[in-house]
Amino acid sequence: MHFSEQNPMREAVLRHAMRKIASKQGTPCALAILLLLLAWFPPDLRAQRALKFSPKVMEVLNMPPLEIKNDDAPLLRLKKERFNAALNEAKARFDLYKRGLTRLPDLIDVGERLFGAEVDLYDKPEERAQVLERHLAIYNEAKANLEKQVKEGLATQADLERLRYNIASVEIELLQTKDAQAKPGSTPQASPQQ
């Protein structure tokens, strides 16, 4: 790690500590103290903070939780509770991300759980297909945004590949759902909006 990767206040603290220790204890002690200081003052995550999320991703993060009704079937109630938990986690992790306390893969993970919980709310193939198509649009917009950020050095290729994996997974599930929709005789359960 270089001092140039630190913010000015952290850099001043580290330089002062290094000079003071190096003059008294020598290099081994200075290195040990430097490691402790780096653990106490983690590197600034400026590149992470510079990331801008696509409008559709922000729309998801601003969704209200689902209303849980007294007359909801027990299974639907649990599915709504799971969706709301994933949504609340996504909002909390996004807040942590903005403050530099978590990284992009954590947001991608919670996004997968949130989208999976949302799709699972629907049993009718046509409703599932609509939700999956919306997820695909969100993922594709996020991918275009992330590709720009990878080129600018603000995000990693690994994060982009993870997003591409998720897109392929949604496309597979969408094709499977459309195939199920084409099969006659399925008896889906009520949707969460009913």
C-alpha atoms as a PDB file:
ATOM      1  CA  MET A   1       0.000   0.000   0.000  1.00  0.00           C
ATOM      2  CA  HIS A   2       1.251   3.477  -0.835  1.00  0.00           C
ATOM      3  CA  PHE A   3       0.590   6.679   1.033  1.00  0.00           C
ATOM      4  CA  SER A   4      -1.030   7.979  -2.148  1.00  0.00           C
ATOM      5  CA  GLU A   5      -3.849   5.481  -1.592  1.00  0.00           C
ATOM      6  CA  GLN A   6      -4.672   7.001   1.807  1.00  0.00           C
ATOM      7  CA  ASN A   7      -6.662  10.101   2.500  1.00  0.00           C
ATOM      8  CA  PRO A   8      -4.584  13.094   3.688  1.00  0.00           C
ATOM      9  CA  MET A   9      -5.493  12.752   7.372  1.00  0.00           C
ATOM     10  CA  ARG A  10      -4.583   9.080   7.474  1.00  0.00           C
ATOM     11  CA  GLU A  11      -1.381   9.792   5.550  1.00  0.00           C
ATOM     12  CA  ALA A  12      -0.309  12.405   8.099  1.00  0.00           C
ATOM     13  CA  VAL A  13      -1.013  10.057  11.024  1.00  0.00           C
ATOM     14  CA  LEU A  14       0.925   7.228   9.397  1.00  0.00           C
ATOM     15  CA  ARG A  15       3.921   9.400   8.477  1.00  0.00           C
ATOM     16  CA  HIS A  16       4.123  10.894  11.955  1.00  0.00           C
ATOM     17  CA  ALA A  17       3.904   7.464  13.577  1.00  0.00           C
ATOM     18  CA  MET A  18       6.490   6.002  11.225  1.00  0.00           C
ATOM     19  CA  ARG A  19       9.008   8.810  11.862  1.00  0.00           C
ATOM     20  CA  LYS A  20       8.550   8.622  15.606  1.00  0.00           C
ATOM     21  CA  ILE A  21       8.896   4.828  15.727  1.00  0.00           C
ATOM     22  CA  ALA A  22      11.686   4.499  13.182  1.00  0.00           C
ATOM     23  CA  SER A  23      13.907   6.865  15.089  1.00  0.00           C
ATOM     24  CA  LYS A  24      13.462   4.958  18.386  1.00  0.00           C
ATOM     25  CA  GLN A  25      12.861   1.304  17.644  1.00  0.00           C
ATOM     26  CA  GLY A  26      14.125   0.560  14.175  1.00  0.00           C
ATOM     27  CA  THR A  27      12.505  -0.926  11.088  1.00  0.00           C
ATOM     28  CA  PRO A  28      10.963  -4.181  12.488  1.00  0.00           C
ATOM     29  CA  CYS A  29       8.979  -2.325  15.119  1.00  0.00           C
ATOM     30  CA  ALA A  30       7.987   0.363  12.634  1.00  0.00           C
ATOM     31  CA  LEU A  31       6.634  -2.283  10.270  1.00  0.00           C
ATOM     32  CA  ALA A  32       4.604  -3.893  13.051  1.00  0.00           C
ATOM     33  CA  ILE A  33       3.126  -0.528  14.057  1.00  0.00           C
ATOM     34  CA  LEU A  34       2.396   0.299  10.419  1.00  0.00           C
ATOM     35  CA  LEU A  35       0.442  -2.926  10.058  1.00  0.00           C
ATOM     36  CA  LEU A  36      -1.545  -2.135  13.193  1.00  0.00           C
ATOM     37  CA  LEU A  37      -2.272   1.382  11.950  1.00  0.00           C
ATOM     38  CA  LEU A  38      -3.392   0.062   8.570  1.00  0.00           C
ATOM     39  CA  ALA A  39      -5.760  -2.307  10.335  1.00  0.00           C
ATOM     40  CA  TRP A  40      -7.085   0.611  12.385  1.00  0.00           C
ATOM     41  CA  PHE A  41      -7.248   3.012   9.422  1.00  0.00           C
ATOM     42  CA  PRO A  42      -8.259   0.834   6.438  1.00  0.00           C
ATOM     43  CA  PRO A  43      -7.496   2.075   2.930  1.00  0.00           C
ATOM     44  CA  ASP A  44      -9.854   4.621   1.513  1.00  0.00           C
ATOM     45  CA  LEU A  45     -12.395   3.077  -0.850  1.00  0.00           C
ATOM     46  CA  ARG A  46     -12.628   6.109  -3.124  1.00  0.00           C
ATOM     47  CA  ALA A  47     -13.052   4.038  -6.283  1.00  0.00           C
ATOM     48  CA  GLN A  48     -15.933   2.181  -4.679  1.00  0.00           C
ATOM     49  CA  ARG A  49     -17.639   5.409  -3.659  1.00  0.00           C
ATOM     50  CA  ALA A  50     -17.284   6.721  -7.191  1.00  0.00           C
ATOM     51  CA  LEU A  51     -19.461   3.910  -8.570  1.00  0.00           C
ATOM     52  CA  LYS A  52     -22.822   5.074  -9.776  1.00  0.00           C
ATOM     53  CA  PHE A  53     -25.693   2.672  -9.953  1.00  0.00           C
ATOM     54  CA  SER A  54     -28.089   2.497 -12.860  1.00  0.00           C
ATOM     55  CA  PRO A  55     -31.574   4.029 -12.486  1.00  0.00           C
ATOM     56  CA  LYS A  56     -33.277   0.620 -12.542  1.00  0.00           C
ATOM     57  CA  VAL A  57     -31.055  -0.653  -9.727  1.00  0.00           C
ATOM     58  CA  MET A  58     -31.880   2.445  -7.693  1.00  0.00           C
ATOM     59  CA  GLU A  59     -35.572   1.871  -8.428  1.00  0.00           C
ATOM     60  CA  VAL A  60     -35.289  -1.611  -6.892  1.00  0.00           C
ATOM     61  CA  LEU A  61     -33.526  -0.224  -3.817  1.00  0.00           C
ATOM     62  CA  ASN A  62     -36.342   2.303  -3.373  1.00  0.00           C
ATOM     63  CA  MET A  63     -39.163  -0.260  -3.559  1.00  0.00           C
ATOM     64  CA  PRO A  64     -41.477  -0.401  -0.549  1.00  0.00           C
ATOM     65  CA  PRO A  65     -41.808  -3.695   1.324  1.00  0.00           C
ATOM     66  CA  LEU A  66     -44.740  -5.938   0.462  1.00  0.00           C
ATOM     67  CA  GLU A  67     -47.805  -5.657   2.635  1.00  0.00           C
ATOM     68  CA  ILE A  68     -48.475  -8.816   4.609  1.00  0.00           C
ATOM     69  CA  LYS A  69     -52.211  -9.272   4.945  1.00  0.00           C
ATOM     70  CA  ASN A  70     -54.045 -11.181   7.674  1.00  0.00           C
ATOM     71  CA  ASP A  71     -55.799 -13.336   5.080  1.00  0.00           C
ATOM     72  CA  ASP A  72     -52.587 -14.320   3.237  1.00  0.00           C
ATOM     73  CA  ALA A  73     -52.066 -18.068   3.024  1.00  0.00           C
ATOM     74  CA  PRO A  74     -49.249 -19.242   5.330  1.00  0.00           C
ATOM     75  CA  LEU A  75     -46.907 -20.041   2.427  1.00  0.00           C
ATOM     76  CA  LEU A  76     -47.532 -16.685   0.741  1.00  0.00           C
ATOM     77  CA  ARG A  77     -47.024 -14.903   4.073  1.00  0.00           C
ATOM     78  CA  LEU A  78     -43.607 -16.586   4.470  1.00  0.00           C
ATOM     79  CA  LYS A  79     -42.642 -15.763   0.901  1.00  0.00           C
ATOM     80  CA  LYS A  80     -43.528 -12.103   1.477  1.00  0.00           C
ATOM     81  CA  GLU A  81     -41.574 -12.059   4.733  1.00  0.00           C
ATOM     82  CA  ARG A  82     -38.557 -13.532   2.934  1.00  0.00           C
ATOM     83  CA  PHE A  83     -38.831 -10.952   0.139  1.00  0.00           C
ATOM     84  CA  ASN A  84     -39.122  -8.097   2.652  1.00  0.00           C
ATOM     85  CA  ALA A  85     -36.093  -9.398   4.572  1.00  0.00           C
ATOM     86  CA  ALA A  86     -34.045  -9.513   1.360  1.00  0.00           C
ATOM     87  CA  LEU A  87     -35.222  -6.020   0.389  1.00  0.00           C
ATOM     88  CA  ASN A  88     -34.337  -4.634   3.818  1.00  0.00           C
ATOM     89  CA  GLU A  89     -30.936  -6.321   3.647  1.00  0.00           C
ATOM     90  CA  ALA A  90     -30.331  -4.839   0.178  1.00  0.00           C
ATOM     91  CA  LYS A  91     -31.125  -1.362   1.477  1.00  0.00           C
ATOM     92  CA  ALA A  92     -28.899  -1.841   4.531  1.00  0.00           C
ATOM     93  CA  ARG A  93     -26.019  -3.226   2.463  1.00  0.00           C
ATOM     94  CA  PHE A  94     -26.341  -0.351  -0.009  1.00  0.00           C
ATOM     95  CA  ASP A  95     -26.043   2.068   2.917  1.00  0.00           C
ATOM     96  CA  LEU A  96     -22.931   0.207   4.101  1.00  0.00           C
ATOM     97  CA  TYR A  97     -21.565   0.321   0.558  1.00  0.00           C
ATOM     98  CA  LYS A  98     -22.059   4.080   0.314  1.00  0.00           C
ATOM     99  CA  ARG A  99     -20.108   4.451   3.570  1.00  0.00           C
ATOM    100  CA  GLY A 100     -17.291   2.232   2.291  1.00  0.00           C
ATOM    101  CA  LEU A 101     -18.002  -0.596   4.738  1.00  0.00           C
ATOM    102  CA  THR A 102     -18.810  -3.334   2.224  1.00  0.00           C
ATOM    103  CA  ARG A 103     -17.934  -4.157  -1.373  1.00  0.00           C
ATOM    104  CA  LEU A 104     -19.782  -4.646  -4.653  1.00  0.00           C
ATOM    105  CA  PRO A 105     -19.904  -8.502  -4.488  1.00  0.00           C
ATOM    106  CA  ASP A 106     -21.939  -8.217  -1.275  1.00  0.00           C
ATOM    107  CA  LEU A 107     -24.499  -6.124  -3.156  1.00  0.00           C
ATOM    108  CA  ILE A 108     -24.592  -8.606  -6.021  1.00  0.00           C
ATOM    109  CA  ASP A 109     -25.187 -11.442  -3.525  1.00  0.00           C
ATOM    110  CA  VAL A 110     -28.112  -9.716  -1.846  1.00  0.00           C
ATOM    111  CA  GLY A 111     -29.491  -8.768  -5.264  1.00  0.00           C
ATOM    112  CA  GLU A 112     -29.569 -12.448  -6.207  1.00  0.00           C
ATOM    113  CA  ARG A 113     -31.465 -13.289  -3.024  1.00  0.00           C
ATOM    114  CA  LEU A 114     -33.885 -10.411  -3.516  1.00  0.00           C
ATOM    115  CA  PHE A 115     -34.626 -11.334  -7.121  1.00  0.00           C
ATOM    116  CA  GLY A 116     -34.968 -15.024  -6.254  1.00  0.00           C
ATOM    117  CA  ALA A 117     -37.405 -14.194  -3.458  1.00  0.00           C
ATOM    118  CA  GLU A 118     -39.414 -11.954  -5.779  1.00  0.00           C
ATOM    119  CA  VAL A 119     -39.716 -14.578  -8.516  1.00  0.00           C
ATOM    120  CA  ASP A 120     -40.756 -17.162  -5.941  1.00  0.00           C
ATOM    121  CA  LEU A 121     -43.723 -14.974  -4.970  1.00  0.00           C
ATOM    122  CA  TYR A 122     -45.394 -15.930  -8.242  1.00  0.00           C
ATOM    123  CA  ASP A 123     -46.610 -19.346  -9.289  1.00  0.00           C
ATOM    124  CA  LYS A 124     -48.336 -18.468 -12.569  1.00  0.00           C
ATOM    125  CA  PRO A 125     -45.803 -18.838 -15.407  1.00  0.00           C
ATOM    126  CA  GLU A 126     -46.947 -15.639 -17.130  1.00  0.00           C
ATOM    127  CA  GLU A 127     -46.424 -13.611 -13.907  1.00  0.00           C
ATOM    128  CA  ARG A 128     -43.055 -15.241 -13.288  1.00  0.00           C
ATOM    129  CA  ALA A 129     -42.050 -14.464 -16.885  1.00  0.00           C
ATOM    130  CA  GLN A 130     -42.961 -10.778 -16.425  1.00  0.00           C
ATOM    131  CA  VAL A 131     -40.885 -10.543 -13.249  1.00  0.00           C
ATOM    132  CA  LEU A 132     -37.950 -12.344 -14.860  1.00  0.00           C
ATOM    133  CA  GLU A 133     -38.088 -10.031 -17.888  1.00  0.00           C
ATOM    134  CA  ARG A 134     -37.977  -7.029 -15.541  1.00  0.00           C
ATOM    135  CA  HIS A 135     -34.996  -8.581 -13.699  1.00  0.00           C
ATOM    136  CA  LEU A 136     -33.260  -9.177 -17.017  1.00  0.00           C
ATOM    137  CA  ALA A 137     -33.751  -5.516 -17.988  1.00  0.00           C
ATOM    138  CA  ILE A 138     -32.315  -4.421 -14.626  1.00  0.00           C
ATOM    139  CA  TYR A 139     -29.331  -6.761 -14.952  1.00  0.00           C
ATOM    140  CA  ASN A 140     -28.637  -5.634 -18.544  1.00  0.00           C
ATOM    141  CA  GLU A 141     -28.730  -1.964 -17.534  1.00  0.00           C
ATOM    142  CA  ALA A 142     -26.448  -2.719 -14.580  1.00  0.00           C
ATOM    143  CA  LYS A 143     -24.094  -4.660 -16.881  1.00  0.00           C
ATOM    144  CA  ALA A 144     -23.760  -1.731 -19.302  1.00  0.00           C
ATOM    145  CA  ASN A 145     -23.039   0.548 -16.348  1.00  0.00           C
ATOM    146  CA  LEU A 146     -20.534  -1.879 -14.813  1.00  0.00           C
ATOM    147  CA  GLU A 147     -18.712  -2.382 -18.140  1.00  0.00           C
ATOM    148  CA  LYS A 148     -18.005   1.363 -18.253  1.00  0.00           C
ATOM    149  CA  GLN A 149     -16.774   1.279 -14.674  1.00  0.00           C
ATOM    150  CA  VAL A 150     -14.474  -1.689 -15.361  1.00  0.00           C
ATOM    151  CA  LYS A 151     -12.949   0.255 -18.283  1.00  0.00           C
ATOM    152  CA  GLU A 152     -12.400   3.237 -15.973  1.00  0.00           C
ATOM    153  CA  GLY A 153     -10.792   1.022 -13.330  1.00  0.00           C
ATOM    154  CA  LEU A 154     -13.569   1.628 -10.791  1.00  0.00           C
ATOM    155  CA  ALA A 155     -14.860  -1.970 -10.727  1.00  0.00           C
ATOM    156  CA  THR A 156     -13.353  -5.397 -11.299  1.00  0.00           C
ATOM    157  CA  GLN A 157     -13.685  -7.793 -14.181  1.00  0.00           C
ATOM    158  CA  ALA A 158     -14.669 -10.467 -11.636  1.00  0.00           C
ATOM    159  CA  ASP A 159     -17.705  -8.395 -10.602  1.00  0.00           C
ATOM    160  CA  LEU A 160     -18.675  -8.015 -14.245  1.00  0.00           C
ATOM    161  CA  GLU A 161     -18.368 -11.761 -14.851  1.00  0.00           C
ATOM    162  CA  ARG A 162     -20.540 -12.424 -11.797  1.00  0.00           C
ATOM    163  CA  LEU A 163     -23.178 -10.147 -13.273  1.00  0.00           C
ATOM    164  CA  ARG A 164     -22.923 -11.935 -16.641  1.00  0.00           C
ATOM    165  CA  TYR A 165     -23.443 -15.243 -14.822  1.00  0.00           C
ATOM    166  CA  ASN A 166     -26.565 -13.831 -13.169  1.00  0.00           C
ATOM    167  CA  ILE A 167     -27.890 -12.614 -16.526  1.00  0.00           C
ATOM    168  CA  ALA A 168     -27.427 -16.068 -18.054  1.00  0.00           C
ATOM    169  CA  SER A 169     -29.154 -17.634 -15.040  1.00  0.00           C
ATOM    170  CA  VAL A 170     -32.154 -15.324 -15.402  1.00  0.00           C
ATOM    171  CA  GLU A 171     -32.312 -16.020 -19.148  1.00  0.00           C
ATOM    172  CA  ILE A 172     -32.311 -19.775 -18.461  1.00  0.00           C
ATOM    173  CA  GLU A 173     -35.045 -19.440 -15.855  1.00  0.00           C
ATOM    174  CA  LEU A 174     -37.068 -17.226 -18.218  1.00  0.00           C
ATOM    175  CA  LEU A 175     -36.856 -19.825 -21.008  1.00  0.00           C
ATOM    176  CA  GLN A 176     -37.846 -22.582 -18.593  1.00  0.00           C
ATOM    177  CA  THR A 177     -40.766 -20.494 -17.352  1.00  0.00           C
ATOM    178  CA  LYS A 178     -41.945 -19.770 -20.889  1.00  0.00           C
ATOM    179  CA  ASP A 179     -41.736 -23.493 -21.684  1.00  0.00           C
ATOM    180  CA  ALA A 180     -43.856 -24.233 -18.598  1.00  0.00           C
ATOM    181  CA  GLN A 181     -46.288 -21.515 -19.699  1.00  0.00           C
ATOM    182  CA  ALA A 182     -46.709 -23.253 -23.042  1.00  0.00           C
ATOM    183  CA  LYS A 183     -47.619 -26.554 -21.339  1.00  0.00           C
ATOM    184  CA  PRO A 184     -51.363 -26.834 -20.697  1.00  0.00           C
ATOM    185  CA  GLY A 185     -52.872 -28.115 -17.467  1.00  0.00           C
ATOM    186  CA  SER A 186     -50.704 -26.490 -14.799  1.00  0.00           C
ATOM    187  CA  THR A 187     -52.573 -25.219 -11.721  1.00  0.00           C
ATOM    188  CA  PRO A 188     -50.719 -22.236 -10.260  1.00  0.00           C
ATOM    189  CA  GLN A 189     -51.429 -20.700  -6.854  1.00  0.00           C
ATOM    190  CA  ALA A 190     -52.635 -17.168  -6.210  1.00  0.00           C
ATOM    191  CA  SER A 191     -50.189 -14.302  -6.753  1.00  0.00           C
ATOM    192  CA  PRO A 192     -49.093 -11.998  -3.876  1.00  0.00           C
ATOM    193  CA  GLN A 193     -51.151  -9.122  -5.329  1.00  0.00           C
ATOM    194  CA  GLN A 194     -54.416 -10.993  -4.883  1.00  0.00           C
END
